[in-house]
Amino acid sequence: MSSLEAHMSAAATLPNDARATLVGRIWSPAHGGPCVARIIGGEAEDITETFPTMRDLCEMDDPAAAVHASKGEPVAPLVEILANTPTAARNLSKPWLLPPVDLQALKAAGVTFAISMLERVIEERARGNPAAAEEIRKSIRDLIGDDLSKLKPGSAEAMNLKQVLIAKGVWSQYLEVGIGPDAEIFTKSQPMSAVGHGMDAGLNPVSNWSNPEPEVVIVVASTGKIVGAMLGNDVNLRDVEGRSALLLSKAKDNNASCALGPFIRLFDEHFSLDHVRKMQLSLKVEGPEGYVLEGGSNMAKISRDPADLASQMLNRDHQYPDGAVLFLGTLFAPVADREVKGQGFTHKIGDVVTVSAPELGALTNVMRRTDEAAPWTYGTSHLLRYLAGRGLL
């Protein structure tokens, strides 16, 4: 059994709470397109007749209650869908899993953790050279430490620290969004472009220093209400962003570089934003040469509250009529050398990357070159034509 196949069982994929209200998207060969599905009792049920898009479901006043009240048509056992999802194993006549979002904007918040903030400063000063990063990392931590989790961004204390750093000549645009009043909110990718659990994730071959970023991703309705959460891998090209922050879109938005899933867990009486605030994420990278990297991200150490980040993304000054999903940032920043001393960690093609949390399950992807991963060919226009053909528009 390959490393990826070991991750495609229901036991490896699902949350550890049988009460979870889970929804996702599944490609249905019978209908010739994607269906919105609820996952219940190990089965996937098509609820597209009630909710043509995941956007429509997330716009309900109480999405979890709406899911439980809807009529579902059996699609297939989840175990069969998961086994048929990896590209190499896929039988096109059978259903497979898709990323769990469709029309929502794909957004991300950056520099929301202290250690992450320091790593961005290091990237900027190293100018994309991992060999120079460790020396810079030590000098910055000697000056300001690495635990700013109790410092409230935008507070008087944070602004005093800003003045000290400016006086010492170490101020950075990353420190500005890390401890200043305004969060960094950027477009991770385009609607309909995400990849899901079991799919290849893309690494642009222009990069020689790339990292996974394990994150919680919240689902936000057009009203600004947070209705659920899922896992995400905000694949990052550290050397590209390190050369210039103006290259952020090249570092972040590439073919197959936005991984989401495996399912959206909707908020209900058993799961809320408070659970997200305390969540512990785990990361595992299994390299084709036998290398293993393990790490994680503790949401309790985030510097900006998820609700604040959502309100900075969607408000009276900036609307998303189809809603949005928002990566909340990560505490994880790998610094240990993978092969060459002083070069730190970087991905290899074929790495199997798993982001997991007990409350949300596991999201696993295999890293491929962006020009070798499956191209993005199914966009919003295709979805609309498909739904019209089913008589759902």
Protein backbone atom coordinates (compact mmCIF):
# COMPACT_ATOMS: atom_id res chain seq x y z
CA MET A 1 0.00 0.00 0.00
CA SER A 2 1.38 3.41 -0.97
CA SER A 3 1.72 6.18 1.60
CA LEU A 4 -1.21 8.07 0.06
CA GLU A 5 -3.51 5.03 -0.01
CA ALA A 6 -2.93 4.56 3.72
CA HIS A 7 -4.46 8.00 4.28
CA MET A 8 -7.57 7.41 2.17
CA SER A 9 -9.57 5.26 4.58
CA ALA A 10 -12.61 6.65 6.37
CA ALA A 11 -10.89 6.11 9.72
CA ALA A 12 -7.86 8.18 8.63
CA THR A 13 -10.01 10.94 7.09
CA LEU A 14 -12.95 11.62 9.41
CA PRO A 15 -13.03 13.61 12.68
CA ASN A 16 -13.03 11.61 15.90
CA ASP A 17 -16.52 12.89 16.78
CA ALA A 18 -19.38 10.88 15.27
CA ARG A 19 -21.74 13.79 16.03
CA ALA A 20 -19.97 16.09 13.52
CA THR A 21 -22.17 17.70 10.87
CA LEU A 22 -20.02 17.16 7.77
CA VAL A 23 -20.64 18.37 4.24
CA GLY A 24 -18.52 18.13 1.13
CA ARG A 25 -18.57 17.93 -2.63
CA ILE A 26 -18.38 14.76 -4.70
CA TRP A 27 -18.03 14.30 -8.44
CA SER A 28 -21.02 12.28 -9.60
CA PRO A 29 -20.51 10.47 -12.93
CA ALA A 30 -24.23 9.70 -12.91
CA HIS A 31 -24.99 13.45 -13.14
CA GLY A 32 -21.81 14.46 -14.96
CA GLY A 33 -20.76 17.01 -12.37
CA PRO A 34 -20.30 17.92 -8.71
CA CYS A 35 -22.90 17.33 -6.04
CA VAL A 36 -23.19 18.84 -2.59
CA ALA A 37 -23.19 15.96 -0.13
CA ARG A 38 -23.67 15.29 3.55
CA ILE A 39 -21.60 12.58 5.20
CA ILE A 40 -23.59 10.48 7.60
CA GLY A 41 -23.09 6.96 8.92
CA GLY A 42 -20.22 6.26 6.55
CA GLU A 43 -22.35 7.18 3.53
CA ALA A 44 -22.39 10.17 1.20
CA GLU A 45 -25.83 11.54 0.35
CA ASP A 46 -26.52 13.97 -2.49
CA ILE A 47 -28.40 17.06 -1.25
CA THR A 48 -27.88 19.11 -4.42
CA GLU A 49 -31.62 19.19 -5.13
CA THR A 50 -31.97 21.34 -2.00
CA PHE A 51 -28.60 23.13 -2.14
CA PRO A 52 -27.27 23.42 -5.71
CA THR A 53 -23.99 24.86 -4.42
CA MET A 54 -22.06 24.80 -1.18
CA ARG A 55 -22.43 28.56 -1.24
CA ASP A 56 -26.23 28.17 -1.07
CA LEU A 57 -25.98 25.87 1.93
CA CYS A 58 -23.60 28.18 3.81
CA GLU A 59 -25.94 31.13 3.29
CA MET A 60 -28.70 29.49 5.32
CA ASP A 61 -29.53 30.95 8.75
CA ASP A 62 -28.55 27.63 10.35
CA PRO A 63 -26.64 25.50 7.82
CA ALA A 64 -26.25 22.51 10.16
CA ALA A 65 -29.97 22.34 10.89
CA ALA A 66 -30.72 22.76 7.19
CA VAL A 67 -28.46 19.81 6.35
CA HIS A 68 -30.18 17.53 8.86
CA ALA A 69 -33.61 18.57 7.57
CA SER A 70 -32.79 18.07 3.88
CA LYS A 71 -33.63 15.06 1.78
CA GLY A 72 -30.60 13.09 0.62
CA GLU A 73 -30.10 10.59 -2.18
CA PRO A 74 -27.42 7.90 -1.65
CA VAL A 75 -24.25 8.38 -3.71
CA ALA A 76 -21.89 5.66 -2.47
CA PRO A 77 -20.21 4.47 0.71
CA LEU A 78 -17.55 6.96 1.79
CA VAL A 79 -14.88 4.28 1.81
CA GLU A 80 -15.41 3.69 -1.92
CA ILE A 81 -15.37 7.41 -2.73
CA LEU A 82 -12.13 7.97 -0.82
CA ALA A 83 -10.41 5.00 -2.46
CA ASN A 84 -11.38 6.32 -5.89
CA THR A 85 -10.15 9.89 -5.28
CA PRO A 86 -6.35 9.76 -5.95
CA THR A 87 -5.68 10.47 -9.62
CA ALA A 88 -3.62 7.33 -10.17
CA ALA A 89 -6.38 5.08 -8.78
CA ARG A 90 -9.40 6.89 -10.19
CA ASN A 91 -12.12 5.08 -12.11
CA LEU A 92 -13.99 7.84 -13.97
CA SER A 93 -17.21 5.83 -13.89
CA LYS A 94 -17.33 6.01 -10.07
CA PRO A 95 -17.69 9.00 -7.67
CA TRP A 96 -14.67 10.73 -6.15
CA LEU A 97 -14.12 13.42 -3.53
CA LEU A 98 -13.75 17.10 -4.45
CA PRO A 99 -12.67 20.12 -2.39
CA PRO A 100 -15.63 21.14 -0.21
CA VAL A 101 -16.13 24.68 -1.56
CA ASP A 102 -17.31 26.10 -4.86
CA LEU A 103 -18.30 29.76 -5.38
CA GLN A 104 -16.72 31.15 -2.21
CA ALA A 105 -13.72 33.46 -2.44
CA LEU A 106 -10.49 31.79 -1.27
CA LYS A 107 -8.75 34.16 1.15
CA ALA A 108 -5.94 33.89 3.67
CA ALA A 109 -4.63 35.78 6.67
CA GLY A 110 -0.87 36.01 7.09
CA VAL A 111 1.48 36.67 9.99
CA THR A 112 -1.11 35.84 12.65
CA PHE A 113 1.31 34.00 14.99
CA ALA A 114 4.45 35.33 16.66
CA ILE A 115 6.83 32.68 15.32
CA SER A 116 5.28 32.93 11.87
CA MET A 117 5.79 36.69 12.03
CA LEU A 118 9.47 36.28 12.89
CA GLU A 119 9.93 33.81 10.04
CA ARG A 120 8.48 36.30 7.57
CA VAL A 121 10.92 38.92 8.82
CA ILE A 122 13.72 36.40 8.39
CA GLU A 123 12.58 35.59 4.83
CA GLU A 124 12.61 39.27 3.98
CA ARG A 125 16.08 39.86 5.40
CA ALA A 126 17.53 36.63 3.95
CA ARG A 127 16.25 37.62 0.49
CA GLY A 128 15.25 34.01 -0.23
CA ASN A 129 18.60 32.52 0.87
CA PRO A 130 17.99 29.74 3.45
CA ALA A 131 21.71 29.62 4.30
CA ALA A 132 21.53 33.15 5.70
CA ALA A 133 18.28 32.58 7.57
CA GLU A 134 19.59 30.94 10.77
CA GLU A 135 22.02 33.74 11.60
CA ILE A 136 19.29 36.33 11.04
CA ARG A 137 16.83 34.24 13.05
CA LYS A 138 19.14 34.25 16.08
CA SER A 139 19.86 37.98 15.96
CA ILE A 140 16.16 38.91 15.80
CA ARG A 141 15.17 36.56 18.62
CA ASP A 142 17.99 37.93 20.76
CA LEU A 143 16.45 41.35 20.32
CA ILE A 144 12.71 40.75 20.69
CA GLY A 145 12.30 37.08 21.68
CA ASP A 146 9.88 34.69 19.99
CA ASP A 147 6.83 34.77 22.28
CA LEU A 148 4.62 37.73 21.41
CA SER A 149 1.41 35.73 21.79
CA LYS A 150 0.24 37.90 24.70
CA LEU A 151 0.82 41.12 22.78
CA LYS A 152 -2.45 42.42 21.32
CA PRO A 153 -1.95 43.76 17.79
CA GLY A 154 -2.68 47.47 17.58
CA SER A 155 -2.48 47.98 21.37
CA ALA A 156 -0.46 50.74 23.05
CA GLU A 157 2.11 48.10 24.10
CA ALA A 158 2.43 46.91 20.52
CA MET A 159 2.91 50.45 19.24
CA ASN A 160 5.62 51.06 21.86
CA LEU A 161 7.41 47.93 20.69
CA LYS A 162 7.14 49.18 17.13
CA GLN A 163 8.96 52.39 18.06
CA VAL A 164 11.73 50.43 19.79
CA LEU A 165 12.22 48.22 16.74
CA ILE A 166 12.30 51.21 14.41
CA ALA A 167 14.94 52.85 16.61
CA LYS A 168 17.06 49.67 16.44
CA GLY A 169 16.71 49.43 12.67
CA VAL A 170 14.88 46.10 12.54
CA TRP A 171 11.37 47.24 11.64
CA SER A 172 9.71 45.25 8.84
CA GLN A 173 6.49 45.24 6.85
CA TYR A 174 5.83 41.79 8.40
CA LEU A 175 6.09 43.21 11.90
CA GLU A 176 3.62 45.89 10.82
CA VAL A 177 0.89 43.33 10.06
CA GLY A 178 2.01 41.11 12.95
CA ILE A 179 1.56 43.65 15.75
CA GLY A 180 -0.08 46.62 14.02
CA PRO A 181 -3.84 47.29 13.88
CA ASP A 182 -4.40 45.92 10.37
CA ALA A 183 -4.27 42.21 9.56
CA GLU A 184 -2.75 40.89 6.35
CA ILE A 185 -5.64 39.51 4.30
CA PHE A 186 -4.84 38.33 0.78
CA THR A 187 -6.34 36.26 -2.02
CA LYS A 188 -4.97 32.74 -1.78
CA SER A 189 -6.53 31.48 -5.00
CA GLN A 190 -9.57 31.82 -7.23
CA PRO A 191 -13.05 30.36 -6.63
CA MET A 192 -13.32 26.78 -7.93
CA SER A 193 -9.52 26.35 -8.11
CA ALA A 194 -8.86 24.49 -4.82
CA VAL A 195 -7.78 20.86 -4.58
CA GLY A 196 -9.14 18.45 -1.99
CA HIS A 197 -8.16 15.47 0.15
CA GLY A 198 -6.20 12.82 -1.75
CA MET A 199 -5.39 15.11 -4.66
CA ASP A 200 -2.03 16.39 -5.88
CA ALA A 201 -0.93 19.80 -4.55
CA GLY A 202 1.23 22.09 -6.65
CA LEU A 203 4.78 23.41 -6.19
CA ASN A 204 5.91 26.00 -8.70
CA PRO A 205 9.32 24.83 -10.03
CA VAL A 206 10.70 28.39 -9.84
CA SER A 207 11.09 27.82 -6.09
CA ASN A 208 13.98 26.14 -4.27
CA TRP A 209 12.62 26.78 -0.75
CA SER A 210 9.01 25.72 -0.23
CA ASN A 211 6.99 24.79 2.85
CA PRO A 212 3.61 23.40 3.82
CA GLU A 213 1.49 25.63 6.05
CA PRO A 214 -1.07 23.68 8.16
CA GLU A 215 -4.04 25.90 8.93
CA VAL A 216 -7.63 26.00 10.11
CA VAL A 217 -9.87 27.53 7.45
CA ILE A 218 -13.12 29.15 8.51
CA VAL A 219 -16.20 29.37 6.29
CA VAL A 220 -17.81 32.81 6.26
CA ALA A 221 -21.24 33.61 4.80
CA SER A 222 -21.88 36.81 2.85
CA THR A 223 -23.36 38.32 6.04
CA GLY A 224 -20.03 37.89 7.83
CA LYS A 225 -21.35 35.02 9.96
CA ILE A 226 -18.82 32.20 10.51
CA VAL A 227 -20.68 28.94 9.86
CA GLY A 228 -18.02 26.23 9.94
CA ALA A 229 -14.40 25.21 9.55
CA MET A 230 -12.12 22.80 7.69
CA LEU A 231 -8.42 22.11 7.23
CA GLY A 232 -6.12 23.78 4.74
CA ASN A 233 -2.56 23.67 3.44
CA ASP A 234 -1.49 27.17 2.39
CA VAL A 235 1.46 25.96 0.28
CA ASN A 236 4.12 28.67 0.33
CA LEU A 237 7.23 29.43 -1.76
CA ARG A 238 9.42 31.00 0.90
CA ASP A 239 12.23 32.12 -1.36
CA VAL A 240 9.83 33.82 -3.77
CA GLU A 241 8.06 35.79 -1.05
CA GLY A 242 11.40 36.43 0.62
CA ARG A 243 12.74 38.21 -2.47
CA SER A 244 9.87 40.69 -2.32
CA ALA A 245 6.51 40.88 -0.59
CA LEU A 246 5.16 42.15 -3.90
CA LEU A 247 5.68 38.62 -5.22
CA LEU A 248 3.13 37.26 -2.71
CA SER A 249 0.69 36.25 -5.44
CA LYS A 250 3.42 34.27 -7.23
CA ALA A 251 4.41 32.63 -3.94
CA LYS A 252 0.82 31.71 -3.01
CA ASP A 253 -1.49 31.47 -6.03
CA ASN A 254 -0.35 28.67 -8.33
CA ASN A 255 -1.98 25.66 -9.93
CA ALA A 256 -3.13 23.21 -7.22
CA SER A 257 -1.52 25.29 -4.45
CA CYS A 258 -4.69 25.74 -2.36
CA ALA A 259 -5.60 22.51 -0.57
CA LEU A 260 -8.85 22.34 1.43
CA GLY A 261 -10.81 19.59 3.13
CA PRO A 262 -11.57 16.88 3.68
CA PHE A 263 -15.02 18.23 4.60
CA ILE A 264 -16.56 21.35 6.10
CA ARG A 265 -17.64 20.78 9.67
CA LEU A 266 -20.61 23.05 10.26
CA PHE A 267 -21.14 24.81 13.57
CA ASP A 268 -23.84 23.23 15.73
CA GLU A 269 -24.42 22.42 19.40
CA HIS A 270 -21.33 20.17 19.38
CA PHE A 271 -18.86 22.41 17.52
CA SER A 272 -18.34 26.18 17.55
CA LEU A 273 -15.79 28.93 17.03
CA ASP A 274 -14.58 28.36 20.57
CA HIS A 275 -13.43 24.89 19.51
CA VAL A 276 -11.52 26.47 16.63
CA ARG A 277 -9.83 28.90 19.02
CA LYS A 278 -8.40 25.97 21.04
CA MET A 279 -7.62 23.60 18.20
CA GLN A 280 -4.31 21.78 17.92
CA LEU A 281 -3.23 20.96 14.36
CA SER A 282 -0.69 18.31 13.44
CA LEU A 283 1.45 18.15 10.32
CA LYS A 284 3.32 15.20 8.86
CA VAL A 285 5.49 15.19 5.74
CA GLU A 286 6.51 11.77 4.39
CA GLY A 287 9.25 12.10 1.80
CA PRO A 288 9.82 9.70 -1.10
CA GLU A 289 13.32 9.01 0.28
CA GLY A 290 11.96 7.95 3.70
CA TYR A 291 12.30 11.37 5.31
CA VAL A 292 9.66 12.26 7.92
CA LEU A 293 8.91 15.72 9.31
CA GLU A 294 6.35 16.26 12.06
CA GLY A 295 5.08 19.53 13.46
CA GLY A 296 1.95 21.37 14.35
CA SER A 297 0.15 24.61 15.07
CA ASN A 298 -1.64 25.58 18.28
CA MET A 299 -4.56 27.91 17.64
CA ALA A 300 -4.54 29.01 21.29
CA LYS A 301 -1.37 30.97 20.48
CA ILE A 302 -2.83 33.00 17.61
CA SER A 303 -2.31 36.75 18.01
CA ARG A 304 -5.54 37.79 16.27
CA ASP A 305 -8.91 36.26 17.09
CA PRO A 306 -10.57 34.40 14.17
CA ALA A 307 -13.67 36.59 14.46
CA ASP A 308 -11.52 39.72 14.16
CA LEU A 309 -9.80 38.30 11.08
CA ALA A 310 -13.18 37.49 9.50
CA SER A 311 -14.44 41.02 10.21
CA GLN A 312 -11.32 42.54 8.66
CA MET A 313 -11.92 40.44 5.54
CA LEU A 314 -15.66 40.99 5.11
CA ASN A 315 -17.33 44.21 6.23
CA ARG A 316 -19.16 47.28 4.90
CA ASP A 317 -16.03 48.29 3.01
CA HIS A 318 -15.53 44.92 1.30
CA GLN A 319 -18.25 42.40 0.50
CA TYR A 320 -18.31 38.81 -0.82
CA PRO A 321 -21.83 38.03 -2.06
CA ASP A 322 -20.98 34.32 -2.40
CA GLY A 323 -19.21 34.23 0.95
CA ALA A 324 -15.56 33.37 1.51
CA VAL A 325 -13.28 30.93 3.24
CA LEU A 326 -10.33 32.25 5.23
CA PHE A 327 -7.06 30.53 6.12
CA LEU A 328 -6.24 31.67 9.67
CA GLY A 329 -2.45 31.41 9.48
CA THR A 330 -0.02 29.01 11.10
CA LEU A 331 2.41 28.71 13.97
CA PHE A 332 4.41 26.13 12.01
CA ALA A 333 7.71 27.16 10.43
CA PRO A 334 10.16 24.29 9.76
CA VAL A 335 13.80 25.26 10.28
CA ALA A 336 15.58 21.91 10.68
CA ASP A 337 17.80 20.88 7.77
CA ARG A 338 16.39 18.20 5.46
CA GLU A 339 19.58 17.25 3.65
CA VAL A 340 22.18 19.97 3.26
CA LYS A 341 23.40 21.59 6.48
CA GLY A 342 22.32 25.22 6.65
CA GLN A 343 19.69 24.88 3.92
CA GLY A 344 16.70 24.20 6.19
CA PHE A 345 13.58 22.34 5.06
CA THR A 346 12.17 22.40 1.58
CA HIS A 347 9.69 20.16 -0.21
CA LYS A 348 10.58 17.39 -2.60
CA ILE A 349 8.32 16.26 -5.40
CA GLY A 350 6.42 13.23 -4.11
CA ASP A 351 6.15 14.42 -0.51
CA VAL A 352 2.93 13.19 1.12
CA VAL A 353 1.66 15.98 3.38
CA THR A 354 -1.04 15.45 6.01
CA VAL A 355 -2.68 18.21 8.03
CA SER A 356 -4.94 16.88 10.77
CA ALA A 357 -6.95 17.81 13.85
CA PRO A 358 -9.21 15.53 15.92
CA GLU A 359 -12.18 17.85 15.39
CA LEU A 360 -11.79 18.16 11.60
CA GLY A 361 -10.18 14.93 10.40
CA ALA A 362 -7.24 14.83 8.02
CA LEU A 363 -6.28 16.46 4.72
CA THR A 364 -3.60 14.62 2.73
CA ASN A 365 -1.99 15.69 -0.53
CA VAL A 366 0.95 14.61 -2.68
CA MET A 367 3.29 17.39 -3.83
CA ARG A 368 3.74 17.71 -7.60
CA ARG A 369 5.16 20.36 -9.91
CA THR A 370 2.43 22.83 -10.79
CA ASP A 371 2.92 22.07 -14.48
CA GLU A 372 2.52 18.33 -13.82
CA ALA A 373 -0.43 18.46 -11.41
CA ALA A 374 -3.87 18.20 -12.97
CA PRO A 375 -4.69 21.52 -14.69
CA TRP A 376 -7.61 23.59 -13.44
CA THR A 377 -10.26 23.22 -16.15
CA TYR A 378 -13.61 23.26 -14.32
CA GLY A 379 -14.61 26.80 -13.46
CA THR A 380 -17.71 28.76 -12.48
CA SER A 381 -19.11 28.78 -16.02
CA HIS A 382 -18.94 24.97 -16.17
CA LEU A 383 -20.70 24.67 -12.81
CA LEU A 384 -23.52 26.98 -13.89
CA ARG A 385 -24.07 25.10 -17.15
CA TYR A 386 -24.12 21.79 -15.27
CA LEU A 387 -26.64 23.04 -12.70
CA ALA A 388 -28.81 24.45 -15.48
CA GLY A 389 -28.73 21.06 -17.16
CA ARG A 390 -29.98 19.46 -13.93
CA GLY A 391 -32.78 22.02 -13.78
CA LEU A 392 -31.42 23.53 -10.57
CA LEU A 393 -30.99 27.13 -11.75
